[in-house]
Amino acid sequence: VGSGPDLIYGWFDDPHQYPDKLIDLSDVGNYLGAKYGGWFPV
């Protein structure tokens, strides 16, 4: 519907169901990975 919470802590692959509706978080993901030893593969 395009309205509701600004952000959600959801489950598993929820973001992969509607990726075109989501903000690109690459700056956050890359920053955290570089600062905290990298992400586990999963």
All heavy atoms as atom14 arrays in JSON, in Angstrom:
{
  "sequence": "VGSGPDLIYGWFDDPHQYPDKLIDLSDVGNYLGAKYGGWFPV",
  "atom14_mask": [
    [1, 1, 1, 1, 1, 1, 1, 0, 0, 0, 0, 0, 0, 0],
    [1, 1, 1, 1, 0, 0, 0, 0, 0, 0, 0, 0, 0, 0],
    [1, 1, 1, 1, 1, 1, 0, 0, 0, 0, 0, 0, 0, 0],
    [1, 1, 1, 1, 0, 0, 0, 0, 0, 0, 0, 0, 0, 0],
    [1, 1, 1, 1, 1, 1, 1, 0, 0, 0, 0, 0, 0, 0],
    [1, 1, 1, 1, 1, 1, 1, 1, 0, 0, 0, 0, 0, 0],
    [1, 1, 1, 1, 1, 1, 1, 1, 0, 0, 0, 0, 0, 0],
    [1, 1, 1, 1, 1, 1, 1, 1, 0, 0, 0, 0, 0, 0],
    [1, 1, 1, 1, 1, 1, 1, 1, 1, 1, 1, 1, 0, 0],
    [1, 1, 1, 1, 0, 0, 0, 0, 0, 0, 0, 0, 0, 0],
    [1, 1, 1, 1, 1, 1, 1, 1, 1, 1, 1, 1, 1, 1],
    [1, 1, 1, 1, 1, 1, 1, 1, 1, 1, 1, 0, 0, 0],
    [1, 1, 1, 1, 1, 1, 1, 1, 0, 0, 0, 0, 0, 0],
    [1, 1, 1, 1, 1, 1, 1, 1, 0, 0, 0, 0, 0, 0],
    [1, 1, 1, 1, 1, 1, 1, 0, 0, 0, 0, 0, 0, 0],
    [1, 1, 1, 1, 1, 1, 1, 1, 1, 1, 0, 0, 0, 0],
    [1, 1, 1, 1, 1, 1, 1, 1, 1, 0, 0, 0, 0, 0],
    [1, 1, 1, 1, 1, 1, 1, 1, 1, 1, 1, 1, 0, 0],
    [1, 1, 1, 1, 1, 1, 1, 0, 0, 0, 0, 0, 0, 0],
    [1, 1, 1, 1, 1, 1, 1, 1, 0, 0, 0, 0, 0, 0],
    [1, 1, 1, 1, 1, 1, 1, 1, 1, 0, 0, 0, 0, 0],
    [1, 1, 1, 1, 1, 1, 1, 1, 0, 0, 0, 0, 0, 0],
    [1, 1, 1, 1, 1, 1, 1, 1, 0, 0, 0, 0, 0, 0],
    [1, 1, 1, 1, 1, 1, 1, 1, 0, 0, 0, 0, 0, 0],
    [1, 1, 1, 1, 1, 1, 1, 1, 0, 0, 0, 0, 0, 0],
    [1, 1, 1, 1, 1, 1, 0, 0, 0, 0, 0, 0, 0, 0],
    [1, 1, 1, 1, 1, 1, 1, 1, 0, 0, 0, 0, 0, 0],
    [1, 1, 1, 1, 1, 1, 1, 0, 0, 0, 0, 0, 0, 0],
    [1, 1, 1, 1, 0, 0, 0, 0, 0, 0, 0, 0, 0, 0],
    [1, 1, 1, 1, 1, 1, 1, 1, 0, 0, 0, 0, 0, 0],
    [1, 1, 1, 1, 1, 1, 1, 1, 1, 1, 1, 1, 0, 0],
    [1, 1, 1, 1, 1, 1, 1, 1, 0, 0, 0, 0, 0, 0],
    [1, 1, 1, 1, 0, 0, 0, 0, 0, 0, 0, 0, 0, 0],
    [1, 1, 1, 1, 1, 0, 0, 0, 0, 0, 0, 0, 0, 0],
    [1, 1, 1, 1, 1, 1, 1, 1, 1, 0, 0, 0, 0, 0],
    [1, 1, 1, 1, 1, 1, 1, 1, 1, 1, 1, 1, 0, 0],
    [1, 1, 1, 1, 0, 0, 0, 0, 0, 0, 0, 0, 0, 0],
    [1, 1, 1, 1, 0, 0, 0, 0, 0, 0, 0, 0, 0, 0],
    [1, 1, 1, 1, 1, 1, 1, 1, 1, 1, 1, 1, 1, 1],
    [1, 1, 1, 1, 1, 1, 1, 1, 1, 1, 1, 0, 0, 0],
    [1, 1, 1, 1, 1, 1, 1, 0, 0, 0, 0, 0, 0, 0],
    [1, 1, 1, 1, 1, 1, 1, 0, 0, 0, 0, 0, 0, 0]
  ],
  "atom14_positions": [
    [[0.81, -1.22, 0.0], [0.0, 0.0, 0.0], [0.84, 1.26, 0.0], [0.34, 2.36, -0.26], [-0.99, 0.02, 1.2], [-1.88, -1.21, 1.18], [-0.25, 0.13, 2.53], [0.0, 0.0, 0.0], [0.0, 0.0, 0.0], [0.0, 0.0, 0.0], [0.0, 0.0, 0.0], [0.0, 0.0, 0.0], [0.0, 0.0, 0.0], [0.0, 0.0, 0.0]],
    [[2.15, 1.13, 0.32], [3.03, 2.29, 0.29], [2.89, 3.21, 1.47], [3.17, 4.42, 1.35], [0.0, 0.0, 0.0], [0.0, 0.0, 0.0], [0.0, 0.0, 0.0], [0.0, 0.0, 0.0], [0.0, 0.0, 0.0], [0.0, 0.0, 0.0], [0.0, 0.0, 0.0], [0.0, 0.0, 0.0], [0.0, 0.0, 0.0], [0.0, 0.0, 0.0]],
    [[2.49, 2.68, 2.61], [2.43, 3.49, 3.82], [2.49, 2.57, 5.03], [2.16, 1.39, 4.94], [1.15, 4.33, 3.87], [0.01, 3.49, 3.99], [0.0, 0.0, 0.0], [0.0, 0.0, 0.0], [0.0, 0.0, 0.0], [0.0, 0.0, 0.0], [0.0, 0.0, 0.0], [0.0, 0.0, 0.0], [0.0, 0.0, 0.0], [0.0, 0.0, 0.0]],
    [[2.91, 3.16, 6.15], [3.04, 2.39, 7.37], [4.33, 2.72, 8.08], [4.82, 3.87, 7.99], [0.0, 0.0, 0.0], [0.0, 0.0, 0.0], [0.0, 0.0, 0.0], [0.0, 0.0, 0.0], [0.0, 0.0, 0.0], [0.0, 0.0, 0.0], [0.0, 0.0, 0.0], [0.0, 0.0, 0.0], [0.0, 0.0, 0.0], [0.0, 0.0, 0.0]],
    [[4.94, 1.77, 8.76], [6.19, 2.03, 9.47], [7.3, 2.48, 8.52], [7.35, 2.04, 7.37], [6.53, 0.67, 10.1], [5.25, -0.07, 10.14], [4.47, 0.39, 8.94], [0.0, 0.0, 0.0], [0.0, 0.0, 0.0], [0.0, 0.0, 0.0], [0.0, 0.0, 0.0], [0.0, 0.0, 0.0], [0.0, 0.0, 0.0], [0.0, 0.0, 0.0]],
    [[8.18, 3.33, 9.02], [9.33, 3.74, 8.21], [10.29, 2.57, 8.03], [10.87, 2.39, 6.96], [10.06, 4.9, 8.89], [9.21, 6.13, 8.98], [9.17, 6.91, 8.01], [8.54, 6.32, 10.02], [0.0, 0.0, 0.0], [0.0, 0.0, 0.0], [0.0, 0.0, 0.0], [0.0, 0.0, 0.0], [0.0, 0.0, 0.0], [0.0, 0.0, 0.0]],
    [[10.46, 1.82, 9.09], [11.35, 0.67, 9.01], [10.81, -0.46, 9.86], [10.07, -0.24, 10.83], [12.78, 1.02, 9.4], [13.07, 1.44, 10.84], [13.62, 0.27, 11.65], [14.09, 2.59, 10.85], [0.0, 0.0, 0.0], [0.0, 0.0, 0.0], [0.0, 0.0, 0.0], [0.0, 0.0, 0.0], [0.0, 0.0, 0.0], [0.0, 0.0, 0.0]],
    [[11.17, -1.67, 9.47], [10.64, -2.89, 10.11], [11.79, -3.84, 10.41], [12.71, -4.0, 9.6], [9.6, -3.58, 9.2], [8.34, -2.71, 9.1], [9.25, -4.98, 9.72], [7.26, -3.29, 8.19], [0.0, 0.0, 0.0], [0.0, 0.0, 0.0], [0.0, 0.0, 0.0], [0.0, 0.0, 0.0], [0.0, 0.0, 0.0], [0.0, 0.0, 0.0]],
    [[11.73, -4.46, 11.58], [12.6, -5.58, 11.89], [11.78, -6.84, 11.62], [10.94, -7.23, 12.41], [13.07, -5.53, 13.35], [14.12, -4.47, 13.59], [13.76, -3.17, 13.94], [15.48, -4.76, 13.43], [14.73, -2.19, 14.15], [16.44, -3.79, 13.64], [16.07, -2.51, 13.99], [17.03, -1.53, 14.2], [0.0, 0.0, 0.0], [0.0, 0.0, 0.0]],
    [[12.02, -7.41, 10.44], [11.23, -8.54, 10.01], [12.01, -9.84, 10.06], [13.06, -9.93, 10.72], [0.0, 0.0, 0.0], [0.0, 0.0, 0.0], [0.0, 0.0, 0.0], [0.0, 0.0, 0.0], [0.0, 0.0, 0.0], [0.0, 0.0, 0.0], [0.0, 0.0, 0.0], [0.0, 0.0, 0.0], [0.0, 0.0, 0.0], [0.0, 0.0, 0.0]],
    [[11.51, -10.84, 9.33], [12.07, -12.18, 9.4], [12.7, -12.61, 8.07], [12.21, -12.28, 6.99], [11.0, -13.2, 9.77], [10.37, -13.01, 11.1], [9.03, -12.88, 11.37], [11.02, -12.94, 12.37], [8.82, -12.74, 12.72], [10.03, -12.77, 13.36], [12.35, -13.01, 12.78], [10.33, -12.66, 14.72], [12.66, -12.9, 14.13], [11.65, -12.73, 15.08]],
    [[13.73, -13.39, 8.19], [14.31, -14.12, 7.08], [14.46, -13.25, 5.83], [15.13, -12.23, 5.86], [13.5, -15.38, 6.79], [13.6, -16.42, 7.87], [12.49, -16.79, 8.61], [14.82, -17.04, 8.14], [12.59, -17.75, 9.61], [14.92, -18.0, 9.14], [13.81, -18.36, 9.87], [0.0, 0.0, 0.0], [0.0, 0.0, 0.0], [0.0, 0.0, 0.0]],
    [[13.79, -13.64, 4.73], [14.0, -12.96, 3.45], [12.89, -11.98, 3.1], [12.63, -11.72, 1.93], [14.15, -13.99, 2.33], [13.0, -14.99, 2.28], [12.12, -14.92, 3.16], [12.98, -15.85, 1.39], [0.0, 0.0, 0.0], [0.0, 0.0, 0.0], [0.0, 0.0, 0.0], [0.0, 0.0, 0.0], [0.0, 0.0, 0.0], [0.0, 0.0, 0.0]],
    [[12.24, -11.42, 4.1], [11.18, -10.44, 3.82], [11.61, -9.38, 2.81], [10.85, -9.09, 1.87], [10.73, -9.75, 5.12], [9.87, -10.64, 6.0], [9.45, -11.72, 5.52], [9.64, -10.29, 7.17], [0.0, 0.0, 0.0], [0.0, 0.0, 0.0], [0.0, 0.0, 0.0], [0.0, 0.0, 0.0], [0.0, 0.0, 0.0], [0.0, 0.0, 0.0]],
    [[12.79, -8.77, 2.95], [13.16, -7.71, 1.99], [13.23, -8.19, 0.55], [13.02, -7.39, -0.38], [14.54, -7.27, 2.48], [14.61, -7.68, 3.91], [13.82, -8.94, 3.99], [0.0, 0.0, 0.0], [0.0, 0.0, 0.0], [0.0, 0.0, 0.0], [0.0, 0.0, 0.0], [0.0, 0.0, 0.0], [0.0, 0.0, 0.0], [0.0, 0.0, 0.0]],
    [[13.49, -9.47, 0.34], [13.63, -9.99, -1.02], [12.29, -10.2, -1.72], [12.26, -10.51, -2.91], [14.4, -11.32, -0.98], [15.82, -11.15, -0.53], [16.88, -11.04, -1.4], [16.36, -11.06, 0.72], [18.0, -10.9, -0.71], [17.71, -10.92, 0.58], [0.0, 0.0, 0.0], [0.0, 0.0, 0.0], [0.0, 0.0, 0.0], [0.0, 0.0, 0.0]],
    [[11.2, -9.99, -0.99], [9.89, -10.11, -1.6], [9.47, -8.82, -2.31], [8.63, -8.86, -3.22], [8.84, -10.45, -0.54], [9.06, -11.78, 0.13], [7.94, -12.09, 1.1], [6.82, -12.36, 0.71], [8.24, -12.03, 2.39], [0.0, 0.0, 0.0], [0.0, 0.0, 0.0], [0.0, 0.0, 0.0], [0.0, 0.0, 0.0], [0.0, 0.0, 0.0]],
    [[10.03, -7.69, -1.86], [9.67, -6.41, -2.47], [10.89, -5.47, -2.46], [10.84, -4.36, -1.92], [8.51, -5.76, -1.69], [8.43, -6.16, -0.23], [9.29, -5.61, 0.73], [7.5, -7.1, 0.2], [9.22, -5.99, 2.05], [7.42, -7.48, 1.53], [8.29, -6.92, 2.45], [8.22, -7.3, 3.77], [0.0, 0.0, 0.0], [0.0, 0.0, 0.0]],
    [[11.99, -5.9, -3.08], [13.23, -5.11, -3.03], [13.1, -3.73, -3.66], [13.79, -2.79, -3.25], [14.23, -5.98, -3.8], [13.4, -6.87, -4.66], [12.15, -7.14, -3.87], [0.0, 0.0, 0.0], [0.0, 0.0, 0.0], [0.0, 0.0, 0.0], [0.0, 0.0, 0.0], [0.0, 0.0, 0.0], [0.0, 0.0, 0.0], [0.0, 0.0, 0.0]],
    [[12.22, -3.6, -4.66], [12.05, -2.31, -5.34], [11.35, -1.28, -4.46], [11.34, -0.1, -4.78], [11.27, -2.5, -6.64], [9.92, -3.14, -6.42], [9.82, -4.07, -5.6], [8.93, -2.71, -7.07], [0.0, 0.0, 0.0], [0.0, 0.0, 0.0], [0.0, 0.0, 0.0], [0.0, 0.0, 0.0], [0.0, 0.0, 0.0], [0.0, 0.0, 0.0]],
    [[10.77, -1.73, -3.35], [10.07, -0.82, -2.45], [10.96, -0.31, -1.31], [10.52, 0.47, -0.48], [8.85, -1.54, -1.81], [7.89, -2.17, -2.81], [7.14, -1.12, -3.6], [6.13, -1.76, -4.55], [5.03, -2.43, -3.87], [0.0, 0.0, 0.0], [0.0, 0.0, 0.0], [0.0, 0.0, 0.0], [0.0, 0.0, 0.0], [0.0, 0.0, 0.0]],
    [[12.22, -0.76, -1.3], [13.09, -0.52, -0.14], [14.23, 0.45, -0.44], [14.71, 0.54, -1.57], [13.67, -1.85, 0.35], [12.65, -2.92, 0.74], [13.36, -4.2, 1.13], [11.77, -2.42, 1.89], [0.0, 0.0, 0.0], [0.0, 0.0, 0.0], [0.0, 0.0, 0.0], [0.0, 0.0, 0.0], [0.0, 0.0, 0.0], [0.0, 0.0, 0.0]],
    [[14.65, 1.13, 0.61], [15.79, 2.05, 0.54], [17.08, 1.24, 0.39], [17.25, 0.2, 1.03], [15.86, 2.92, 1.81], [14.65, 3.85, 1.9], [17.16, 3.73, 1.87], [14.52, 4.56, 3.23], [0.0, 0.0, 0.0], [0.0, 0.0, 0.0], [0.0, 0.0, 0.0], [0.0, 0.0, 0.0], [0.0, 0.0, 0.0], [0.0, 0.0, 0.0]],
    [[17.99, 1.71, -0.42], [19.31, 1.09, -0.55], [20.09, 1.37, 0.73], [20.36, 2.53, 1.08], [20.02, 1.67, -1.77], [21.38, 1.01, -2.04], [21.86, 0.24, -1.18], [21.97, 1.3, -3.09], [0.0, 0.0, 0.0], [0.0, 0.0, 0.0], [0.0, 0.0, 0.0], [0.0, 0.0, 0.0], [0.0, 0.0, 0.0], [0.0, 0.0, 0.0]],
    [[20.48, 0.31, 1.43], [21.2, 0.44, 2.7], [22.67, 0.08, 2.56], [23.34, -0.24, 3.55], [20.55, -0.47, 3.75], [19.07, -0.2, 4.07], [18.54, -1.26, 5.04], [18.89, 1.19, 4.67], [0.0, 0.0, 0.0], [0.0, 0.0, 0.0], [0.0, 0.0, 0.0], [0.0, 0.0, 0.0], [0.0, 0.0, 0.0], [0.0, 0.0, 0.0]],
    [[23.2, 0.15, 1.35], [24.57, -0.28, 1.12], [25.59, 0.52, 1.92], [26.6, -0.03, 2.38], [24.91, -0.19, -0.37], [24.13, -1.12, -1.12], [0.0, 0.0, 0.0], [0.0, 0.0, 0.0], [0.0, 0.0, 0.0], [0.0, 0.0, 0.0], [0.0, 0.0, 0.0], [0.0, 0.0, 0.0], [0.0, 0.0, 0.0], [0.0, 0.0, 0.0]],
    [[25.35, 1.82, 2.1], [26.3, 2.61, 2.89], [26.35, 2.1, 4.32], [27.43, 2.0, 4.93], [25.97, 4.1, 2.84], [24.52, 4.43, 3.14], [23.69, 3.5, 3.29], [24.19, 5.63, 3.22], [0.0, 0.0, 0.0], [0.0, 0.0, 0.0], [0.0, 0.0, 0.0], [0.0, 0.0, 0.0], [0.0, 0.0, 0.0], [0.0, 0.0, 0.0]],
    [[25.2, 1.74, 4.88], [25.15, 1.23, 6.24], [25.79, -0.16, 6.33], [26.62, -0.43, 7.2], [23.7, 1.15, 6.76], [23.64, 0.55, 8.15], [23.07, 2.55, 6.76], [0.0, 0.0, 0.0], [0.0, 0.0, 0.0], [0.0, 0.0, 0.0], [0.0, 0.0, 0.0], [0.0, 0.0, 0.0], [0.0, 0.0, 0.0], [0.0, 0.0, 0.0]],
    [[25.42, -1.04, 5.4], [25.95, -2.4, 5.43], [27.46, -2.44, 5.23], [28.16, -3.18, 5.93], [0.0, 0.0, 0.0], [0.0, 0.0, 0.0], [0.0, 0.0, 0.0], [0.0, 0.0, 0.0], [0.0, 0.0, 0.0], [0.0, 0.0, 0.0], [0.0, 0.0, 0.0], [0.0, 0.0, 0.0], [0.0, 0.0, 0.0], [0.0, 0.0, 0.0]],
    [[27.97, -1.64, 4.29], [29.41, -1.63, 4.04], [30.17, -1.02, 5.21], [31.26, -1.49, 5.57], [29.7, -0.86, 2.75], [29.16, -1.58, 1.52], [29.0, -2.8, 1.52], [28.87, -0.82, 0.48], [0.0, 0.0, 0.0], [0.0, 0.0, 0.0], [0.0, 0.0, 0.0], [0.0, 0.0, 0.0], [0.0, 0.0, 0.0], [0.0, 0.0, 0.0]],
    [[29.62, 0.03, 5.78], [30.25, 0.67, 6.94], [30.36, -0.29, 8.12], [31.43, -0.46, 8.71], [29.44, 1.9, 7.32], [29.7, 2.41, 8.73], [30.84, 3.13, 9.04], [28.78, 2.16, 9.75], [31.07, 3.6, 10.32], [29.0, 2.62, 11.04], [30.15, 3.34, 11.33], [30.38, 3.78, 12.61], [0.0, 0.0, 0.0], [0.0, 0.0, 0.0]],
    [[29.25, -0.95, 8.46], [29.25, -1.84, 9.61], [30.18, -3.03, 9.38], [30.91, -3.46, 10.29], [27.83, -2.33, 9.9], [26.85, -1.28, 10.42], [25.42, -1.83, 10.44], [27.25, -0.81, 11.82], [0.0, 0.0, 0.0], [0.0, 0.0, 0.0], [0.0, 0.0, 0.0], [0.0, 0.0, 0.0], [0.0, 0.0, 0.0], [0.0, 0.0, 0.0]],
    [[30.16, -3.58, 8.16], [31.03, -4.7, 7.87], [32.49, -4.34, 7.99], [33.29, -5.12, 8.55], [0.0, 0.0, 0.0], [0.0, 0.0, 0.0], [0.0, 0.0, 0.0], [0.0, 0.0, 0.0], [0.0, 0.0, 0.0], [0.0, 0.0, 0.0], [0.0, 0.0, 0.0], [0.0, 0.0, 0.0], [0.0, 0.0, 0.0], [0.0, 0.0, 0.0]],
    [[32.86, -3.18, 7.49], [34.26, -2.74, 7.55], [34.7, -2.47, 8.99], [35.83, -2.74, 9.37], [34.46, -1.49, 6.69], [0.0, 0.0, 0.0], [0.0, 0.0, 0.0], [0.0, 0.0, 0.0], [0.0, 0.0, 0.0], [0.0, 0.0, 0.0], [0.0, 0.0, 0.0], [0.0, 0.0, 0.0], [0.0, 0.0, 0.0], [0.0, 0.0, 0.0]],
    [[33.79, -1.94, 9.78], [34.14, -1.55, 11.15], [34.17, -2.72, 12.12], [34.95, -2.74, 13.07], [33.15, -0.5, 11.65], [33.48, 0.06, 13.03], [32.57, 1.21, 13.4], [32.92, 1.76, 14.78], [32.05, 2.9, 15.15], [0.0, 0.0, 0.0], [0.0, 0.0, 0.0], [0.0, 0.0, 0.0], [0.0, 0.0, 0.0], [0.0, 0.0, 0.0]],
    [[33.32, -3.73, 11.88], [33.15, -4.79, 12.87], [33.54, -6.18, 12.35], [32.89, -7.17, 12.64], [31.7, -4.79, 13.38], [31.38, -3.54, 14.18], [30.52, -2.56, 13.67], [31.96, -3.33, 15.42], [30.25, -1.41, 14.39], [31.69, -2.17, 16.14], [30.84, -1.22, 15.62], [30.57, -0.08, 16.35], [0.0, 0.0, 0.0], [0.0, 0.0, 0.0]],
    [[34.63, -6.23, 11.62], [35.24, -7.51, 11.28], [34.59, -8.29, 10.17], [34.95, -9.45, 9.92], [0.0, 0.0, 0.0], [0.0, 0.0, 0.0], [0.0, 0.0, 0.0], [0.0, 0.0, 0.0], [0.0, 0.0, 0.0], [0.0, 0.0, 0.0], [0.0, 0.0, 0.0], [0.0, 0.0, 0.0], [0.0, 0.0, 0.0], [0.0, 0.0, 0.0]],
    [[33.62, -7.71, 9.5], [32.94, -8.39, 8.4], [31.68, -9.11, 8.86], [31.49, -9.39, 10.04], [0.0, 0.0, 0.0], [0.0, 0.0, 0.0], [0.0, 0.0, 0.0], [0.0, 0.0, 0.0], [0.0, 0.0, 0.0], [0.0, 0.0, 0.0], [0.0, 0.0, 0.0], [0.0, 0.0, 0.0], [0.0, 0.0, 0.0], [0.0, 0.0, 0.0]],
    [[30.83, -9.4, 7.89], [29.58, -10.11, 8.12], [29.78, -11.61, 7.93], [30.56, -12.02, 7.09], [28.5, -9.65, 7.14], [28.13, -8.2, 7.23], [28.72, -7.17, 6.56], [27.09, -7.62, 8.02], [28.1, -5.98, 6.88], [27.09, -6.23, 7.78], [26.14, -8.15, 8.9], [26.2, -5.36, 8.38], [25.24, -7.28, 9.51], [25.26, -5.91, 9.24]],
    [[29.08, -12.42, 8.7], [29.07, -13.84, 8.43], [28.38, -14.06, 7.08], [27.47, -13.31, 6.72], [28.36, -14.61, 9.53], [29.14, -14.68, 10.82], [28.68, -14.07, 11.96], [30.36, -15.36, 10.87], [29.39, -14.12, 13.15], [31.08, -15.41, 12.05], [30.61, -14.79, 13.19], [0.0, 0.0, 0.0], [0.0, 0.0, 0.0], [0.0, 0.0, 0.0]],
    [[28.81, -15.08, 6.33], [28.27, -15.28, 4.97], [26.75, -15.3, 4.89], [26.16, -14.7, 3.98], [28.87, -16.62, 4.55], [30.17, -16.67, 5.29], [29.89, -16.03, 6.63], [0.0, 0.0, 0.0], [0.0, 0.0, 0.0], [0.0, 0.0, 0.0], [0.0, 0.0, 0.0], [0.0, 0.0, 0.0], [0.0, 0.0, 0.0], [0.0, 0.0, 0.0]],
    [[26.08, -15.97, 5.82], [24.62, -16.06, 5.74], [23.97, -14.7, 5.93], [22.9, -14.43, 5.37], [24.07, -17.08, 6.75], [24.11, -16.54, 8.18], [22.65, -17.51, 6.39], [0.0, 0.0, 0.0], [0.0, 0.0, 0.0], [0.0, 0.0, 0.0], [0.0, 0.0, 0.0], [0.0, 0.0, 0.0], [0.0, 0.0, 0.0], [0.0, 0.0, 0.0]]
  ]
}
